[in-house]
Amino acid sequence: DALAASPADSALVDAVHAYLLRELAHAAYDADAHEAPCGVLEMAQLIRRREPRWVLQHEVAVATALLSLCLDGSGDVHPDNLDAARELMLELVRKCHGPSAGDGGGD
């Protein structure tokens, strides 16, 4: 198949996605994120597109950022960010540990 990615292409895509995910997770800690969109929706799109094994490798960084938003939800966090963070946290757990994960993270 001419459209199949080579191992080098796949590794590059993995690296770019990992970088994007780290930057988006970091944005959740930014003080300005409490007032405006902070990357949660973008993280959700990336997590939905990737396979469970890849998401599991980045689960702790994403979950920590999302929990930071949720725990700081004392009124300082924009309501849209708070709702999106809660929804993504549930989706993250289901993708990494739910029935659809299969053997996605097991070694």
C-alpha atoms as a PDB file:
ATOM      1  CA  ASP A   1       0.000   0.000   0.000  1.00  0.00           C
ATOM      2  CA  ALA A   2       1.542   3.274  -1.152  1.00  0.00           C
ATOM      3  CA  LEU A   3      -0.111   5.206   1.676  1.00  0.00           C
ATOM      4  CA  ALA A   4       1.204   2.969   4.459  1.00  0.00           C
ATOM      5  CA  ALA A   5       3.572   4.824   6.761  1.00  0.00           C
ATOM      6  CA  SER A   6       7.161   3.662   6.998  1.00  0.00           C
ATOM      7  CA  PRO A   7       8.564   2.952  10.471  1.00  0.00           C
ATOM      8  CA  ALA A   8      10.498   6.251  10.286  1.00  0.00           C
ATOM      9  CA  ASP A   9       7.322   8.168   9.400  1.00  0.00           C
ATOM     10  CA  SER A  10       5.442   6.470  12.209  1.00  0.00           C
ATOM     11  CA  ALA A  11       8.183   7.332  14.701  1.00  0.00           C
ATOM     12  CA  LEU A  12       8.125  10.956  13.559  1.00  0.00           C
ATOM     13  CA  VAL A  13       4.344  11.156  13.936  1.00  0.00           C
ATOM     14  CA  ASP A  14       4.603   9.611  17.415  1.00  0.00           C
ATOM     15  CA  ALA A  15       7.256  12.152  18.414  1.00  0.00           C
ATOM     16  CA  VAL A  16       5.281  15.124  17.086  1.00  0.00           C
ATOM     17  CA  HIS A  17       2.090  13.926  18.768  1.00  0.00           C
ATOM     18  CA  ALA A  18       3.932  13.375  22.051  1.00  0.00           C
ATOM     19  CA  TYR A  19       5.392  16.890  21.861  1.00  0.00           C
ATOM     20  CA  LEU A  20       1.981  18.409  21.125  1.00  0.00           C
ATOM     21  CA  LEU A  21       0.375  16.496  23.971  1.00  0.00           C
ATOM     22  CA  ARG A  22       3.070  17.638  26.437  1.00  0.00           C
ATOM     23  CA  GLU A  23       2.641  21.260  25.364  1.00  0.00           C
ATOM     24  CA  LEU A  24      -1.142  21.072  25.600  1.00  0.00           C
ATOM     25  CA  ALA A  25      -0.933  19.443  29.032  1.00  0.00           C
ATOM     26  CA  HIS A  26       1.446  22.179  30.136  1.00  0.00           C
ATOM     27  CA  ALA A  27      -1.049  24.810  28.951  1.00  0.00           C
ATOM     28  CA  ALA A  28      -3.522  23.484  31.508  1.00  0.00           C
ATOM     29  CA  TYR A  29      -1.174  24.694  34.267  1.00  0.00           C
ATOM     30  CA  ASP A  30      -0.878  28.175  32.768  1.00  0.00           C
ATOM     31  CA  ALA A  31      -2.599  30.904  34.784  1.00  0.00           C
ATOM     32  CA  ASP A  32      -4.199  32.273  31.603  1.00  0.00           C
ATOM     33  CA  ALA A  33      -5.797  28.890  30.971  1.00  0.00           C
ATOM     34  CA  HIS A  34      -8.205  29.602  33.759  1.00  0.00           C
ATOM     35  CA  GLU A  35      -9.848  32.305  31.680  1.00  0.00           C
ATOM     36  CA  ALA A  36      -9.630  31.062  28.095  1.00  0.00           C
ATOM     37  CA  PRO A  37      -9.495  27.726  26.252  1.00  0.00           C
ATOM     38  CA  CYS A  38      -6.451  25.851  27.482  1.00  0.00           C
ATOM     39  CA  GLY A  39      -5.932  23.000  25.055  1.00  0.00           C
ATOM     40  CA  VAL A  40      -8.242  20.414  26.634  1.00  0.00           C
ATOM     41  CA  LEU A  41     -10.318  20.080  23.460  1.00  0.00           C
ATOM     42  CA  GLU A  42      -7.158  19.702  21.397  1.00  0.00           C
ATOM     43  CA  MET A  43      -5.836  17.043  23.789  1.00  0.00           C
ATOM     44  CA  ALA A  44      -9.159  15.228  23.434  1.00  0.00           C
ATOM     45  CA  GLN A  45      -8.892  15.168  19.648  1.00  0.00           C
ATOM     46  CA  LEU A  46      -5.354  13.817  19.788  1.00  0.00           C
ATOM     47  CA  ILE A  47      -6.276  11.143  22.335  1.00  0.00           C
ATOM     48  CA  ARG A  48      -9.270  10.055  20.245  1.00  0.00           C
ATOM     49  CA  ARG A  49      -7.082   9.590  17.167  1.00  0.00           C
ATOM     50  CA  ARG A  50      -4.368   7.532  18.818  1.00  0.00           C
ATOM     51  CA  GLU A  51      -4.394   3.879  19.796  1.00  0.00           C
ATOM     52  CA  PRO A  52      -4.777   2.891  23.461  1.00  0.00           C
ATOM     53  CA  ARG A  53      -1.138   1.747  23.795  1.00  0.00           C
ATOM     54  CA  TRP A  54       0.167   5.184  22.782  1.00  0.00           C
ATOM     55  CA  VAL A  55      -2.340   7.019  24.979  1.00  0.00           C
ATOM     56  CA  LEU A  56      -1.403   4.829  27.950  1.00  0.00           C
ATOM     57  CA  GLN A  57       2.232   5.935  27.578  1.00  0.00           C
ATOM     58  CA  HIS A  58       1.111   9.546  28.082  1.00  0.00           C
ATOM     59  CA  GLU A  59      -1.750   8.944  30.492  1.00  0.00           C
ATOM     60  CA  VAL A  60      -0.053  10.249  33.639  1.00  0.00           C
ATOM     61  CA  ALA A  61       0.945  13.594  32.098  1.00  0.00           C
ATOM     62  CA  VAL A  62      -2.536  14.166  30.690  1.00  0.00           C
ATOM     63  CA  ALA A  63      -4.335  12.978  33.826  1.00  0.00           C
ATOM     64  CA  THR A  64      -2.178  15.191  36.054  1.00  0.00           C
ATOM     65  CA  ALA A  65      -2.948  18.261  33.941  1.00  0.00           C
ATOM     66  CA  LEU A  66      -6.658  17.459  33.870  1.00  0.00           C
ATOM     67  CA  LEU A  67      -6.772  16.841  37.611  1.00  0.00           C
ATOM     68  CA  SER A  68      -5.021  20.142  38.160  1.00  0.00           C
ATOM     69  CA  LEU A  69      -7.822  21.889  36.296  1.00  0.00           C
ATOM     70  CA  CYS A  70     -10.549  19.911  38.050  1.00  0.00           C
ATOM     71  CA  LEU A  71      -9.134  20.383  41.547  1.00  0.00           C
ATOM     72  CA  ASP A  72      -8.606  24.064  40.922  1.00  0.00           C
ATOM     73  CA  GLY A  73     -12.248  24.346  39.869  1.00  0.00           C
ATOM     74  CA  SER A  74     -13.145  26.550  42.795  1.00  0.00           C
ATOM     75  CA  GLY A  75     -14.474  29.217  40.465  1.00  0.00           C
ATOM     76  CA  ASP A  76     -11.142  30.298  39.021  1.00  0.00           C
ATOM     77  CA  VAL A  77     -11.325  27.870  36.103  1.00  0.00           C
ATOM     78  CA  HIS A  78     -13.412  28.761  33.079  1.00  0.00           C
ATOM     79  CA  PRO A  79     -16.530  26.500  33.172  1.00  0.00           C
ATOM     80  CA  ASP A  80     -15.943  25.245  29.623  1.00  0.00           C
ATOM     81  CA  ASN A  81     -12.423  24.145  30.542  1.00  0.00           C
ATOM     82  CA  LEU A  82     -13.663  22.438  33.682  1.00  0.00           C
ATOM     83  CA  ASP A  83     -16.397  20.503  31.861  1.00  0.00           C
ATOM     84  CA  ALA A  84     -14.040  19.530  29.040  1.00  0.00           C
ATOM     85  CA  ALA A  85     -11.383  18.387  31.536  1.00  0.00           C
ATOM     86  CA  ARG A  86     -13.879  16.185  33.387  1.00  0.00           C
ATOM     87  CA  GLU A  87     -15.147  14.635  30.169  1.00  0.00           C
ATOM     88  CA  LEU A  88     -11.642  14.005  28.872  1.00  0.00           C
ATOM     89  CA  MET A  89     -10.574  12.419  32.169  1.00  0.00           C
ATOM     90  CA  LEU A  90     -13.396   9.887  31.868  1.00  0.00           C
ATOM     91  CA  GLU A  91     -12.570   9.272  28.214  1.00  0.00           C
ATOM     92  CA  LEU A  92      -8.881   8.842  29.044  1.00  0.00           C
ATOM     93  CA  VAL A  93      -9.587   6.220  31.710  1.00  0.00           C
ATOM     94  CA  ARG A  94     -11.978   4.334  29.420  1.00  0.00           C
ATOM     95  CA  LYS A  95      -9.528   4.345  26.526  1.00  0.00           C
ATOM     96  CA  CYS A  96      -6.583   3.203  28.611  1.00  0.00           C
ATOM     97  CA  HIS A  97      -8.336   0.769  30.951  1.00  0.00           C
ATOM     98  CA  GLY A  98     -11.788   0.009  29.583  1.00  0.00           C
ATOM     99  CA  PRO A  99     -12.928  -3.015  27.593  1.00  0.00           C
ATOM    100  CA  SER A 100     -12.037  -1.358  24.284  1.00  0.00           C
ATOM    101  CA  ALA A 101      -8.404  -1.016  25.389  1.00  0.00           C
ATOM    102  CA  GLY A 102      -7.825  -4.709  24.766  1.00  0.00           C
ATOM    103  CA  ASP A 103      -4.150  -5.380  25.271  1.00  0.00           C
ATOM    104  CA  GLY A 104      -3.359  -1.742  24.457  1.00  0.00           C
ATOM    105  CA  GLY A 105      -1.077  -1.165  27.417  1.00  0.00           C
ATOM    106  CA  GLY A 106      -0.027  -4.547  28.708  1.00  0.00           C
ATOM    107  CA  ASP A 107       3.613  -5.621  28.482  1.00  0.00           C
END
